[in-house]
């Protein structure tokens, strides 16, 4: 797939000397969903702001749809929709008018039919005549997305789209994102909800201290860095792991009622068979077995620990 956003050697250093971005290189493919993960202060919002032309880069370049965001700002920005973290809406404006106004800001002719399609897609049509102040937090978040889509952008940035949204509305938001992708919209989202990235992203990028640590296909990343854990429940609790089992690097579960064995799923031999044999030889009676696959959150936390 061709890149619709191309970022090359992008840096941003503020007057205070703080380096928010450190030579970031990133290619974002047309029609994909890229989830950008990172702790607070990692540079996620600065990166989005630089792409959208809100923050002036110190050096490097960004192009959107082939248009440089500095030299050809208007053409680049016309391709971008941005949903910020903060809910910045005129509280006493009606929903339909607010979305129509955003369309006009990009020099687009009035198109009530298009605005209606956007509002229906976001389940906002029945709220079209409601004042924004009367909406719930989740509905306000949808209005922000509708305003960002008002000029039919090809790239949509969602900066913490689920912040302050309950679980049910969060899943509805995932459905909206999937629908947008089906229409060919490229979506870049930052999120603290790692299950959100695991549920909807095609690729995952991890940023920390202004540097991109990795960008990889989500499924490939989880295969490459994922591990499994075998939990063996015991008939009698342990105070310590027997010396005879020291080579397995077992962890004790809560109250010593289980032992946990971490193994690499890619290895030819996991060691499980010999472990179970040695558990019996050590006089331990097993009552149950269960396995757990490492999640994207486990991988993310592990990457950040490596950076410390």
Protein backbone atom coordinates (compact mmCIF):
# COMPACT_ATOMS: atom_id res chain seq x y z
CA UNK A 1 0.00 0.00 0.00
CA UNK A 2 1.27 3.54 -0.77
CA UNK A 3 2.04 5.95 2.08
CA UNK A 4 -0.39 8.81 2.56
CA UNK A 5 1.62 10.33 5.44
CA UNK A 6 5.41 10.43 5.23
CA UNK A 7 7.50 11.65 8.19
CA UNK A 8 11.25 11.99 7.78
CA UNK A 9 13.80 12.91 10.47
CA UNK A 10 11.22 14.99 12.31
CA UNK A 11 12.45 16.78 15.42
CA UNK A 12 10.84 19.29 17.74
CA UNK A 13 12.86 21.10 20.39
CA UNK A 14 11.16 23.83 22.42
CA UNK A 15 12.83 27.05 23.54
CA UNK A 16 13.30 25.55 26.99
CA UNK A 17 15.57 22.95 25.40
CA UNK A 18 13.11 20.11 25.85
CA UNK A 19 13.27 17.68 22.93
CA UNK A 20 9.70 16.51 22.33
CA UNK A 21 10.50 14.59 19.13
CA UNK A 22 13.81 12.96 18.22
CA UNK A 23 14.39 12.25 14.49
CA UNK A 24 11.06 10.50 13.97
CA UNK A 25 10.69 8.50 10.75
CA UNK A 26 7.32 6.99 9.95
CA UNK A 27 5.36 5.93 6.88
CA UNK A 28 1.58 5.64 7.32
CA UNK A 29 -0.15 3.58 4.68
CA UNK A 30 -3.34 4.67 2.97
CA UNK A 31 -6.43 3.00 4.40
CA UNK A 32 -4.80 1.55 7.52
CA UNK A 33 -5.54 2.01 11.22
CA UNK A 34 -2.35 2.86 13.11
CA UNK A 35 -2.44 2.92 16.90
CA UNK A 36 0.25 5.05 18.52
CA UNK A 37 1.00 3.96 22.08
CA UNK A 38 3.15 5.69 24.65
CA UNK A 39 3.12 6.97 28.24
CA UNK A 40 2.18 10.53 29.15
CA UNK A 41 4.73 12.96 27.75
CA UNK A 42 6.04 10.47 25.19
CA UNK A 43 5.44 12.85 22.27
CA UNK A 44 2.20 11.47 20.82
CA UNK A 45 0.26 14.73 20.78
CA UNK A 46 3.31 16.71 19.62
CA UNK A 47 3.72 14.34 16.68
CA UNK A 48 0.07 14.68 15.68
CA UNK A 49 0.25 18.46 16.08
CA UNK A 50 3.31 18.62 13.82
CA UNK A 51 1.58 16.54 11.13
CA UNK A 52 -1.51 18.74 11.32
CA UNK A 53 0.51 21.96 11.11
CA UNK A 54 -0.33 23.10 14.62
CA UNK A 55 3.27 22.81 15.86
CA UNK A 56 6.20 24.04 13.75
CA UNK A 57 8.89 21.32 13.50
CA UNK A 58 12.47 22.23 14.39
CA UNK A 59 13.76 20.12 11.52
CA UNK A 60 12.72 17.31 9.22
CA UNK A 61 9.69 17.08 6.97
CA UNK A 62 6.12 15.80 6.90
CA UNK A 63 3.98 15.31 3.81
CA UNK A 64 0.33 14.32 3.58
CA UNK A 65 -0.93 13.07 0.24
CA UNK A 66 2.31 14.35 -1.29
CA UNK A 67 1.85 17.88 0.12
CA UNK A 68 4.47 19.26 2.52
CA UNK A 69 2.70 20.41 5.69
CA UNK A 70 4.84 23.57 5.90
CA UNK A 71 5.33 24.65 2.28
CA UNK A 72 1.88 23.54 1.10
CA UNK A 73 -0.08 23.81 4.32
CA UNK A 74 -3.56 24.38 2.93
CA UNK A 75 -3.49 21.43 0.53
CA UNK A 76 -2.09 19.13 3.24
CA UNK A 77 -4.51 20.30 5.93
CA UNK A 78 -7.46 19.86 3.58
CA UNK A 79 -6.77 16.11 3.65
CA UNK A 80 -6.72 15.92 7.45
CA UNK A 81 -9.43 15.61 10.06
CA UNK A 82 -8.41 16.05 13.70
CA UNK A 83 -10.29 15.00 16.82
CA UNK A 84 -8.42 16.52 19.80
CA UNK A 85 -8.29 15.16 23.34
CA UNK A 86 -10.15 18.11 24.78
CA UNK A 87 -13.85 18.60 24.08
CA UNK A 88 -13.75 22.04 22.47
CA UNK A 89 -17.27 22.77 21.30
CA UNK A 90 -19.58 25.79 21.30
CA UNK A 91 -22.01 24.66 24.04
CA UNK A 92 -25.10 26.54 22.81
CA UNK A 93 -24.76 25.66 19.12
CA UNK A 94 -26.95 22.99 17.56
CA UNK A 95 -25.27 19.81 16.39
CA UNK A 96 -26.17 20.19 12.69
CA UNK A 97 -25.02 23.80 12.59
CA UNK A 98 -21.74 23.02 14.37
CA UNK A 99 -20.83 20.32 11.83
CA UNK A 100 -21.90 22.50 8.89
CA UNK A 101 -19.77 25.37 10.20
CA UNK A 102 -16.68 23.12 10.33
CA UNK A 103 -17.26 22.20 6.69
CA UNK A 104 -17.33 25.88 5.78
CA UNK A 105 -14.01 26.50 7.56
CA UNK A 106 -12.34 24.37 4.88
CA UNK A 107 -13.94 26.35 2.07
CA UNK A 108 -16.40 23.60 1.20
CA UNK A 109 -19.78 24.52 -0.23
CA UNK A 110 -22.81 23.79 1.96
CA UNK A 111 -23.94 20.19 1.55
CA UNK A 112 -26.77 19.31 3.94
CA UNK A 113 -27.05 15.80 2.46
CA UNK A 114 -23.39 15.06 3.24
CA UNK A 115 -23.70 16.43 6.78
CA UNK A 116 -26.77 14.24 7.25
CA UNK A 117 -24.82 11.15 6.15
CA UNK A 118 -22.04 11.93 8.64
CA UNK A 119 -24.50 12.48 11.49
CA UNK A 120 -26.39 9.28 10.68
CA UNK A 121 -23.14 7.33 10.53
CA UNK A 122 -22.27 8.54 14.03
CA UNK A 123 -25.81 7.97 15.40
CA UNK A 124 -26.24 11.71 15.85
CA UNK A 125 -29.06 12.40 13.40
CA UNK A 126 -31.75 12.35 16.10
CA UNK A 127 -29.63 14.90 18.01
CA UNK A 128 -29.20 17.27 15.04
CA UNK A 129 -31.33 20.02 16.57
CA UNK A 130 -30.03 19.52 20.12
CA UNK A 131 -27.75 22.06 21.70
CA UNK A 132 -24.33 20.60 22.44
CA UNK A 133 -24.56 21.58 26.10
CA UNK A 134 -27.42 19.08 26.49
CA UNK A 135 -25.43 16.11 25.17
CA UNK A 136 -23.65 13.41 27.17
CA UNK A 137 -19.85 13.18 27.13
CA UNK A 138 -19.98 10.30 24.66
CA UNK A 139 -22.27 12.20 22.30
CA UNK A 140 -20.02 15.27 22.48
CA UNK A 141 -17.08 13.06 21.50
CA UNK A 142 -19.09 11.92 18.46
CA UNK A 143 -19.81 15.53 17.53
CA UNK A 144 -16.05 16.16 17.54
CA UNK A 145 -15.60 13.27 15.11
CA UNK A 146 -18.45 14.58 12.93
CA UNK A 147 -16.82 18.03 12.79
CA UNK A 148 -13.50 16.43 11.84
CA UNK A 149 -15.23 14.51 9.02
CA UNK A 150 -17.27 17.47 7.78
CA UNK A 151 -14.88 18.27 4.91
CA UNK A 152 -14.43 14.61 3.85
CA UNK A 153 -10.75 14.17 4.85
CA UNK A 154 -8.66 11.22 3.72
CA UNK A 155 -6.72 11.04 7.01
CA UNK A 156 -8.33 11.16 10.45
CA UNK A 157 -6.38 11.70 13.67
CA UNK A 158 -8.05 10.60 16.88
CA UNK A 159 -6.16 11.84 19.95
CA UNK A 160 -7.41 9.77 22.89
CA UNK A 161 -10.89 9.31 21.36
CA UNK A 162 -12.20 7.19 24.24
CA UNK A 163 -11.14 9.53 27.06
CA UNK A 164 -14.05 9.89 29.47
CA UNK A 165 -16.21 7.48 27.48
CA UNK A 166 -17.80 4.45 29.15
CA UNK A 167 -17.11 0.89 27.98
CA UNK A 168 -20.27 0.56 25.88
CA UNK A 169 -19.71 3.83 24.03
CA UNK A 170 -16.04 2.93 23.59
CA UNK A 171 -17.03 -0.22 21.71
CA UNK A 172 -19.48 1.82 19.62
CA UNK A 173 -16.56 4.11 18.77
CA UNK A 174 -14.54 1.12 17.59
CA UNK A 175 -17.40 0.22 15.27
CA UNK A 176 -17.43 3.77 13.87
CA UNK A 177 -13.68 3.58 13.24
CA UNK A 178 -14.07 0.26 11.44
CA UNK A 179 -16.78 1.78 9.21
CA UNK A 180 -14.53 4.73 8.35
CA UNK A 181 -11.70 2.39 7.43
CA UNK A 182 -14.08 0.48 5.14
CA UNK A 183 -14.68 3.78 3.33
CA UNK A 184 -10.94 4.17 2.74
CA UNK A 185 -10.18 6.70 5.49
CA UNK A 186 -6.71 6.37 7.03
CA UNK A 187 -6.94 6.53 10.82
CA UNK A 188 -4.21 7.28 13.34
CA UNK A 189 -5.22 7.07 16.97
CA UNK A 190 -3.42 7.62 20.23
CA UNK A 191 -4.85 5.81 23.20
CA UNK A 192 -4.21 4.86 26.81
CA UNK A 193 -6.62 1.95 26.40
CA UNK A 194 -4.30 -0.70 25.00
CA UNK A 195 -7.22 -3.08 24.45
CA UNK A 196 -8.49 -0.45 22.03
CA UNK A 197 -5.36 -0.79 19.91
CA UNK A 198 -5.50 -4.57 20.21
CA UNK A 199 -9.11 -4.59 19.03
CA UNK A 200 -9.01 -2.31 15.99
CA UNK A 201 -5.47 -1.46 14.84
CA UNK A 202 -3.74 -2.91 11.78
CA UNK A 203 -0.33 -1.70 12.94
CA UNK A 204 0.99 -0.55 16.29
CA UNK A 205 3.61 2.12 16.91
CA UNK A 206 5.26 2.65 20.28
CA UNK A 207 6.74 6.05 21.10
CA UNK A 208 8.67 7.03 24.23
CA UNK A 209 10.75 10.11 25.04
CA UNK A 210 10.10 11.45 21.56
CA UNK A 211 11.48 8.40 19.77
CA UNK A 212 9.66 5.71 17.82
CA UNK A 213 10.64 2.39 19.39
CA UNK A 214 8.87 0.26 16.80
CA UNK A 215 6.13 0.23 14.20
CA UNK A 216 4.89 -3.22 13.29
CA UNK A 217 1.91 -5.20 12.10
CA UNK A 218 -0.12 -5.93 15.21
CA UNK A 219 -0.52 -9.66 14.62
CA UNK A 220 3.15 -10.07 13.68
CA UNK A 221 4.23 -8.13 16.77
CA UNK A 222 2.19 -10.33 19.07
CA UNK A 223 3.56 -13.46 17.40
CA UNK A 224 7.14 -12.20 17.61
CA UNK A 225 7.13 -10.87 21.15
CA UNK A 226 4.24 -12.79 22.65
CA UNK A 227 4.74 -15.43 25.31
CA UNK A 228 2.46 -17.89 27.01
CA UNK A 229 2.14 -18.74 30.65
CA UNK A 230 1.15 -22.12 32.04
CA UNK A 231 -0.49 -22.00 35.46
CA UNK A 232 -0.42 -25.22 37.43
CA UNK A 233 -2.83 -25.26 40.38
CA UNK A 234 -1.63 -27.30 43.35
CA UNK A 235 -3.48 -29.42 45.90
CA UNK A 236 -1.27 -28.03 48.71
CA UNK A 237 0.15 -24.49 48.81
CA UNK A 238 3.90 -23.83 48.66
CA UNK A 239 5.99 -21.38 50.62
CA UNK A 240 8.87 -21.55 48.14
CA UNK A 241 9.53 -23.26 44.81
CA UNK A 242 11.42 -26.56 45.45
CA UNK A 243 15.13 -26.42 44.62
CA UNK A 244 14.69 -29.30 42.17
CA UNK A 245 12.55 -27.01 39.98
CA UNK A 246 14.88 -23.98 40.07
CA UNK A 247 15.86 -24.32 36.39
CA UNK A 248 12.30 -23.53 35.29
CA UNK A 249 12.24 -20.01 36.82
CA UNK A 250 8.77 -20.65 38.18
CA UNK A 251 6.74 -17.95 39.91
CA UNK A 252 4.45 -18.66 42.80
CA UNK A 253 0.81 -17.71 42.36
CA UNK A 254 -1.36 -16.05 45.06
CA UNK A 255 -0.96 -17.72 48.46
CA UNK A 256 1.37 -20.27 46.85
CA UNK A 257 -1.55 -22.27 45.49
CA UNK A 258 -0.13 -22.40 41.98
CA UNK A 259 3.11 -22.16 40.04
CA UNK A 260 3.43 -20.18 36.81
CA UNK A 261 5.73 -21.19 33.96
CA UNK A 262 6.49 -18.72 31.15
CA UNK A 263 7.52 -20.20 27.81
CA UNK A 264 8.24 -19.11 24.27
CA UNK A 265 5.56 -20.24 21.80
CA UNK A 266 8.07 -20.15 18.90
CA UNK A 267 10.49 -22.66 20.42
CA UNK A 268 10.52 -26.20 19.08
CA UNK A 269 10.19 -27.48 22.64
CA UNK A 270 8.31 -25.55 25.27
CA UNK A 271 9.55 -27.63 28.21
CA UNK A 272 6.03 -28.24 29.49
CA UNK A 273 6.20 -32.04 29.33
CA UNK A 274 9.42 -32.23 31.33
CA UNK A 275 8.12 -29.64 33.78
CA UNK A 276 5.01 -31.68 34.54
CA UNK A 277 7.15 -34.78 35.00
CA UNK A 278 9.48 -32.94 37.38
CA UNK A 279 6.56 -31.49 39.32
CA UNK A 280 5.35 -35.02 40.03
CA UNK A 281 8.89 -36.15 40.90
CA UNK A 282 9.08 -33.26 43.40
CA UNK A 283 5.98 -34.65 45.13
CA UNK A 284 3.61 -31.87 44.02
CA UNK A 285 0.01 -32.86 43.31
CA UNK A 286 -1.64 -30.91 40.46
CA UNK A 287 -5.38 -30.11 40.43
CA UNK A 288 -5.71 -28.03 37.25
CA UNK A 289 -3.83 -26.50 34.31
CA UNK A 290 -4.52 -23.29 32.38
CA UNK A 291 -2.65 -21.14 29.83
CA UNK A 292 -2.62 -17.42 29.13
CA UNK A 293 -1.33 -15.66 26.01
CA UNK A 294 0.51 -12.39 26.58
CA UNK A 295 -1.49 -9.35 25.49
CA UNK A 296 -0.45 -6.23 23.62
CA UNK A 297 -0.37 -4.51 27.02
CA UNK A 298 2.23 -6.99 28.29
CA UNK A 299 4.38 -6.32 25.22
CA UNK A 300 3.99 -2.54 25.58
CA UNK A 301 4.95 -2.56 29.26
CA UNK A 302 7.92 -4.80 28.50
CA UNK A 303 9.19 -2.42 25.80
CA UNK A 304 8.99 0.56 28.14
CA UNK A 305 10.85 -1.34 30.88
CA UNK A 306 13.65 -2.03 28.41
CA UNK A 307 13.95 1.73 27.86
CA UNK A 308 14.44 2.52 31.54
